[in-house]
Amino acid sequence: MGNKRFLEVSVKDHLILHGFDDNNEEILEEVKAKDWSKKSIALDRIQSISEKYILTSYAYGRLIYWEYKEDYETLKSRI
């Protein structure tokens, strides 16, 4: 399986995008975590980064918006 690079980040709450309904509205599942936890995310799964979320691809065509703890500029420089 190739030489993947990973980004370690602290994540907590996240939104799972399961697709779209008949009105083209996102079908989102909100997941609330009790505490922050460390996660290693493969760089080739990252779709975008905002000041609050890392958007990643996931199984079965789904996407996940991960809330992260780190500073945006610091995180951006690590990618």
C-alpha atoms as a PDB file:
ATOM      1  CA  MET A   1       0.000   0.000   0.000  1.00  0.00           C
ATOM      2  CA  GLY A   2       2.305   2.931  -0.898  1.00  0.00           C
ATOM      3  CA  ASN A   3       4.109   5.294   1.399  1.00  0.00           C
ATOM      4  CA  LYS A   4       1.328   7.457   2.867  1.00  0.00           C
ATOM      5  CA  ARG A   5       2.003  10.559   4.863  1.00  0.00           C
ATOM      6  CA  PHE A   6      -0.170  11.351   7.825  1.00  0.00           C
ATOM      7  CA  LEU A   7      -1.187  14.446   9.751  1.00  0.00           C
ATOM      8  CA  GLU A   8      -1.626  14.002  13.497  1.00  0.00           C
ATOM      9  CA  VAL A   9      -4.321  16.301  14.847  1.00  0.00           C
ATOM     10  CA  SER A  10      -6.600  16.615  17.898  1.00  0.00           C
ATOM     11  CA  VAL A  11     -10.233  16.064  16.907  1.00  0.00           C
ATOM     12  CA  LYS A  12     -13.527  16.078  18.757  1.00  0.00           C
ATOM     13  CA  ASP A  13     -17.013  16.586  17.316  1.00  0.00           C
ATOM     14  CA  HIS A  14     -17.582  15.736  13.658  1.00  0.00           C
ATOM     15  CA  LEU A  15     -20.212  15.694  10.948  1.00  0.00           C
ATOM     16  CA  ILE A  16     -20.589  12.746   8.580  1.00  0.00           C
ATOM     17  CA  LEU A  17     -21.978  13.658   5.159  1.00  0.00           C
ATOM     18  CA  HIS A  18     -23.916  10.631   3.899  1.00  0.00           C
ATOM     19  CA  GLY A  19     -25.072  12.230   0.658  1.00  0.00           C
ATOM     20  CA  PHE A  20     -27.906  14.448  -0.504  1.00  0.00           C
ATOM     21  CA  ASP A  21     -31.687  14.202  -0.336  1.00  0.00           C
ATOM     22  CA  ASP A  22     -34.167  14.815  -3.170  1.00  0.00           C
ATOM     23  CA  ASN A  23     -33.920  18.590  -2.564  1.00  0.00           C
ATOM     24  CA  ASN A  24     -30.110  18.497  -2.836  1.00  0.00           C
ATOM     25  CA  GLU A  25     -29.793  19.149   0.932  1.00  0.00           C
ATOM     26  CA  GLU A  26     -26.918  17.489   2.763  1.00  0.00           C
ATOM     27  CA  ILE A  27     -27.768  14.412   4.840  1.00  0.00           C
ATOM     28  CA  LEU A  28     -25.569  14.981   7.907  1.00  0.00           C
ATOM     29  CA  GLU A  29     -25.031  12.873  11.004  1.00  0.00           C
ATOM     30  CA  GLU A  30     -23.721  14.897  13.948  1.00  0.00           C
ATOM     31  CA  VAL A  31     -21.349  13.061  16.296  1.00  0.00           C
ATOM     32  CA  LYS A  32     -20.545  14.621  19.679  1.00  0.00           C
ATOM     33  CA  ALA A  33     -17.399  13.369  21.421  1.00  0.00           C
ATOM     34  CA  LYS A  34     -16.795  13.669  25.137  1.00  0.00           C
ATOM     35  CA  ASP A  35     -13.131  14.685  24.858  1.00  0.00           C
ATOM     36  CA  TRP A  36     -10.481  15.638  22.322  1.00  0.00           C
ATOM     37  CA  SER A  37      -8.506  12.711  20.917  1.00  0.00           C
ATOM     38  CA  LYS A  38      -5.457  12.358  18.682  1.00  0.00           C
ATOM     39  CA  LYS A  39      -6.076  11.133  15.142  1.00  0.00           C
ATOM     40  CA  SER A  40      -3.689  10.438  12.280  1.00  0.00           C
ATOM     41  CA  ILE A  41      -5.309  11.425   8.993  1.00  0.00           C
ATOM     42  CA  ALA A  42      -3.802  10.299   5.681  1.00  0.00           C
ATOM     43  CA  LEU A  43      -2.917  13.419   3.708  1.00  0.00           C
ATOM     44  CA  ASP A  44      -4.447  11.988   0.533  1.00  0.00           C
ATOM     45  CA  ARG A  45      -7.863  11.873   2.297  1.00  0.00           C
ATOM     46  CA  ILE A  46      -7.887  15.603   3.152  1.00  0.00           C
ATOM     47  CA  GLN A  47     -10.189  17.538   0.840  1.00  0.00           C
ATOM     48  CA  SER A  48      -9.926  20.956   2.515  1.00  0.00           C
ATOM     49  CA  ILE A  49      -9.186  22.770   5.758  1.00  0.00           C
ATOM     50  CA  SER A  50     -11.095  25.715   7.227  1.00  0.00           C
ATOM     51  CA  GLU A  51     -10.544  27.550  10.498  1.00  0.00           C
ATOM     52  CA  LYS A  52     -12.799  25.019  12.260  1.00  0.00           C
ATOM     53  CA  TYR A  53     -12.934  21.806  10.199  1.00  0.00           C
ATOM     54  CA  ILE A  54     -10.786  19.365   8.265  1.00  0.00           C
ATOM     55  CA  LEU A  55     -12.886  17.833   5.501  1.00  0.00           C
ATOM     56  CA  THR A  56     -11.832  14.252   4.716  1.00  0.00           C
ATOM     57  CA  SER A  57     -13.012  11.546   2.375  1.00  0.00           C
ATOM     58  CA  TYR A  58     -14.334   8.371   3.982  1.00  0.00           C
ATOM     59  CA  ALA A  59     -15.686   4.953   3.029  1.00  0.00           C
ATOM     60  CA  TYR A  60     -18.662   4.502   0.681  1.00  0.00           C
ATOM     61  CA  GLY A  61     -18.352   7.975  -0.813  1.00  0.00           C
ATOM     62  CA  ARG A  62     -19.015   9.748   2.471  1.00  0.00           C
ATOM     63  CA  LEU A  63     -17.175  12.819   3.752  1.00  0.00           C
ATOM     64  CA  ILE A  64     -16.387  13.819   7.350  1.00  0.00           C
ATOM     65  CA  TYR A  65     -16.025  17.341   8.750  1.00  0.00           C
ATOM     66  CA  TRP A  66     -13.670  16.953  11.755  1.00  0.00           C
ATOM     67  CA  GLU A  67     -13.569  19.745  14.348  1.00  0.00           C
ATOM     68  CA  TYR A  68      -9.912  20.239  15.286  1.00  0.00           C
ATOM     69  CA  LYS A  69      -8.114  21.926  18.180  1.00  0.00           C
ATOM     70  CA  GLU A  70      -4.900  23.208  16.597  1.00  0.00           C
ATOM     71  CA  ASP A  71      -4.340  26.702  15.226  1.00  0.00           C
ATOM     72  CA  TYR A  72      -5.298  26.997  11.544  1.00  0.00           C
ATOM     73  CA  GLU A  73      -2.008  28.546  10.381  1.00  0.00           C
ATOM     74  CA  THR A  74       0.038  25.957  12.277  1.00  0.00           C
ATOM     75  CA  LEU A  75      -2.000  23.117  10.846  1.00  0.00           C
ATOM     76  CA  LYS A  76      -1.822  24.530   7.327  1.00  0.00           C
ATOM     77  CA  SER A  77       1.969  24.785   7.543  1.00  0.00           C
ATOM     78  CA  ARG A  78       2.223  21.100   8.551  1.00  0.00           C
ATOM     79  CA  ILE A  79       0.515  19.877   5.397  1.00  0.00           C
END
